[in-house]
Amino acid sequence: MDSYKIEGLMVRLSLLKEHGQALLEQAEDFPALQCNCRRALASLKMMEMDLGLLTLPAGPRPDDQG
């Protein structure tokens, strides 16, 4: 994928994250909406990982034996 396309995805993802966080804060009296906002933000974090913006912390994985 071209770098300008990746940059565009990163900008859009950043905006989604900002809006998701604002919605979470605004929904303080609506627990179901807060729960779904947290889920959406978790999905956005996975997208950040897909784009290489975040990495998983070092350490044992849950499926590691020993």
N, C-alpha and C. Protein backbone atom coordinates (compact mmCIF):
# COMPACT_ATOMS: atom_id res chain seq x y z
N MET A 1 0.84 -1.17 0.00
CA MET A 1 0.00 0.00 0.00
C MET A 1 0.89 1.24 0.00
N ASP A 2 0.49 2.24 -0.74
CA ASP A 2 1.27 3.47 -0.83
C ASP A 2 1.30 4.20 0.51
N SER A 3 2.41 4.87 0.77
CA SER A 3 2.57 5.56 2.05
C SER A 3 1.54 6.68 2.23
N TYR A 4 1.13 7.35 1.15
CA TYR A 4 0.13 8.41 1.30
C TYR A 4 -1.21 7.83 1.69
N LYS A 5 -1.52 6.61 1.26
CA LYS A 5 -2.77 5.96 1.67
C LYS A 5 -2.72 5.59 3.14
N ILE A 6 -1.56 5.10 3.58
CA ILE A 6 -1.40 4.75 4.98
C ILE A 6 -1.52 5.99 5.86
N GLU A 7 -0.92 7.08 5.42
CA GLU A 7 -1.03 8.33 6.18
C GLU A 7 -2.48 8.77 6.29
N GLY A 8 -3.24 8.62 5.21
CA GLY A 8 -4.65 8.97 5.23
C GLY A 8 -5.43 8.10 6.21
N LEU A 9 -5.10 6.81 6.24
CA LEU A 9 -5.75 5.91 7.19
C LEU A 9 -5.43 6.29 8.63
N MET A 10 -4.18 6.68 8.85
CA MET A 10 -3.78 7.08 10.20
C MET A 10 -4.52 8.34 10.65
N VAL A 11 -4.71 9.28 9.73
CA VAL A 11 -5.44 10.51 10.06
C VAL A 11 -6.89 10.18 10.41
N ARG A 12 -7.54 9.37 9.59
CA ARG A 12 -8.93 9.00 9.84
C ARG A 12 -9.06 8.23 11.15
N LEU A 13 -8.13 7.33 11.41
CA LEU A 13 -8.15 6.56 12.64
C LEU A 13 -7.99 7.47 13.86
N SER A 14 -7.13 8.44 13.75
CA SER A 14 -6.93 9.39 14.83
C SER A 14 -8.22 10.17 15.12
N LEU A 15 -8.90 10.58 14.06
CA LEU A 15 -10.17 11.31 14.23
C LEU A 15 -11.23 10.42 14.88
N LEU A 16 -11.32 9.17 14.43
CA LEU A 16 -12.27 8.24 15.03
C LEU A 16 -11.99 8.05 16.51
N LYS A 17 -10.72 7.95 16.84
CA LYS A 17 -10.34 7.76 18.24
C LYS A 17 -10.73 8.98 19.08
N GLU A 18 -10.48 10.16 18.56
CA GLU A 18 -10.87 11.39 19.27
C GLU A 18 -12.37 11.45 19.49
N HIS A 19 -13.14 11.15 18.46
CA HIS A 19 -14.60 11.18 18.56
C HIS A 19 -15.11 10.09 19.50
N GLY A 20 -14.50 8.92 19.44
CA GLY A 20 -14.90 7.83 20.33
C GLY A 20 -14.65 8.18 21.79
N GLN A 21 -13.51 8.80 22.06
CA GLN A 21 -13.20 9.20 23.43
C GLN A 21 -14.16 10.29 23.90
N ALA A 22 -14.48 11.23 23.04
CA ALA A 22 -15.42 12.29 23.40
C ALA A 22 -16.80 11.71 23.67
N LEU A 23 -17.23 10.77 22.85
CA LEU A 23 -18.53 10.13 23.06
C LEU A 23 -18.55 9.37 24.37
N LEU A 24 -17.48 8.67 24.69
CA LEU A 24 -17.38 7.94 25.95
C LEU A 24 -17.54 8.90 27.13
N GLU A 25 -16.87 10.03 27.07
CA GLU A 25 -16.96 11.01 28.16
C GLU A 25 -18.35 11.62 28.26
N GLN A 26 -18.97 11.86 27.12
CA GLN A 26 -20.29 12.48 27.11
C GLN A 26 -21.38 11.51 27.58
N ALA A 27 -21.13 10.21 27.46
CA ALA A 27 -22.12 9.20 27.80
C ALA A 27 -22.01 8.74 29.25
N GLU A 28 -21.56 9.62 30.12
CA GLU A 28 -21.30 9.22 31.50
C GLU A 28 -22.53 8.67 32.21
N ASP A 29 -23.73 9.07 31.83
CA ASP A 29 -24.96 8.60 32.48
C ASP A 29 -25.65 7.50 31.68
N PHE A 30 -24.95 6.90 30.74
CA PHE A 30 -25.55 5.90 29.86
C PHE A 30 -24.59 4.69 29.80
N PRO A 31 -24.67 3.79 30.80
CA PRO A 31 -23.70 2.69 30.90
C PRO A 31 -23.60 1.81 29.65
N ALA A 32 -24.71 1.52 29.00
CA ALA A 32 -24.65 0.67 27.81
C ALA A 32 -23.86 1.34 26.70
N LEU A 33 -24.05 2.63 26.53
CA LEU A 33 -23.32 3.36 25.50
C LEU A 33 -21.84 3.44 25.86
N GLN A 34 -21.55 3.62 27.13
CA GLN A 34 -20.15 3.63 27.56
C GLN A 34 -19.48 2.29 27.26
N CYS A 35 -20.17 1.21 27.53
CA CYS A 35 -19.62 -0.13 27.26
C CYS A 35 -19.31 -0.28 25.78
N ASN A 36 -20.22 0.12 24.93
CA ASN A 36 -20.01 -0.01 23.49
C ASN A 36 -18.95 0.95 22.98
N CYS A 37 -18.82 2.11 23.60
CA CYS A 37 -17.74 3.03 23.23
C CYS A 37 -16.39 2.41 23.56
N ARG A 38 -16.30 1.77 24.72
CA ARG A 38 -15.04 1.10 25.09
C ARG A 38 -14.70 0.00 24.09
N ARG A 39 -15.72 -0.72 23.65
CA ARG A 39 -15.49 -1.76 22.64
C ARG A 39 -14.99 -1.15 21.34
N ALA A 40 -15.61 -0.05 20.94
CA ALA A 40 -15.19 0.62 19.70
C ALA A 40 -13.75 1.11 19.82
N LEU A 41 -13.42 1.69 20.97
CA LEU A 41 -12.06 2.18 21.18
C LEU A 41 -11.05 1.02 21.18
N ALA A 42 -11.46 -0.14 21.70
CA ALA A 42 -10.58 -1.31 21.66
C ALA A 42 -10.35 -1.75 20.22
N SER A 43 -11.39 -1.70 19.41
CA SER A 43 -11.25 -2.05 18.00
C SER A 43 -10.33 -1.06 17.29
N LEU A 44 -10.45 0.21 17.63
CA LEU A 44 -9.57 1.21 17.03
C LEU A 44 -8.12 0.96 17.43
N LYS A 45 -7.91 0.51 18.66
CA LYS A 45 -6.55 0.19 19.10
C LYS A 45 -5.99 -0.97 18.27
N MET A 46 -6.83 -1.95 17.95
CA MET A 46 -6.39 -3.06 17.10
C MET A 46 -6.01 -2.54 15.71
N MET A 47 -6.77 -1.57 15.20
CA MET A 47 -6.46 -0.98 13.90
C MET A 47 -5.13 -0.24 13.96
N GLU A 48 -4.86 0.42 15.09
CA GLU A 48 -3.57 1.08 15.25
C GLU A 48 -2.44 0.06 15.19
N MET A 49 -2.66 -1.10 15.79
CA MET A 49 -1.66 -2.16 15.73
C MET A 49 -1.48 -2.64 14.29
N ASP A 50 -2.59 -2.75 13.57
CA ASP A 50 -2.51 -3.17 12.16
C ASP A 50 -1.65 -2.22 11.34
N LEU A 51 -1.73 -0.94 11.66
CA LEU A 51 -0.96 0.07 10.92
C LEU A 51 0.45 0.25 11.49
N GLY A 52 0.78 -0.50 12.53
CA GLY A 52 2.11 -0.41 13.11
C GLY A 52 2.30 0.78 14.02
N LEU A 53 1.22 1.39 14.46
CA LEU A 53 1.32 2.54 15.35
C LEU A 53 1.54 2.12 16.79
N LEU A 54 1.11 0.92 17.13
CA LEU A 54 1.27 0.38 18.48
C LEU A 54 1.88 -1.00 18.37
N THR A 55 2.54 -1.41 19.41
CA THR A 55 3.04 -2.77 19.48
C THR A 55 2.55 -3.39 20.78
N LEU A 56 2.47 -4.70 20.79
CA LEU A 56 2.07 -5.40 22.00
C LEU A 56 3.20 -5.33 23.01
N PRO A 57 2.87 -5.22 24.30
CA PRO A 57 3.92 -5.20 25.31
C PRO A 57 4.65 -6.55 25.35
N ALA A 58 5.91 -6.48 25.69
CA ALA A 58 6.70 -7.71 25.81
C ALA A 58 6.26 -8.47 27.04
N GLY A 59 6.36 -9.75 26.98
CA GLY A 59 5.99 -10.57 28.12
C GLY A 59 5.32 -11.84 27.65
N PRO A 60 5.00 -12.70 28.60
CA PRO A 60 4.39 -13.97 28.22
C PRO A 60 2.99 -13.77 27.63
N ARG A 61 2.72 -14.55 26.62
CA ARG A 61 1.39 -14.53 26.02
C ARG A 61 0.50 -15.50 26.77
N PRO A 62 -0.82 -15.26 26.77
CA PRO A 62 -1.72 -16.14 27.51
C PRO A 62 -1.65 -17.60 27.07
N ASP A 63 -1.29 -17.86 25.82
CA ASP A 63 -1.24 -19.24 25.34
C ASP A 63 0.13 -19.88 25.50
N ASP A 64 1.09 -19.15 26.11
CA ASP A 64 2.43 -19.72 26.36
C ASP A 64 2.36 -20.76 27.47
N GLN A 65 3.07 -21.83 27.29
CA GLN A 65 3.15 -22.89 28.31
C GLN A 65 4.44 -22.69 29.10
N GLY A 66 4.35 -22.73 30.40
CA GLY A 66 5.56 -22.71 31.22
C GLY A 66 5.87 -21.38 31.70
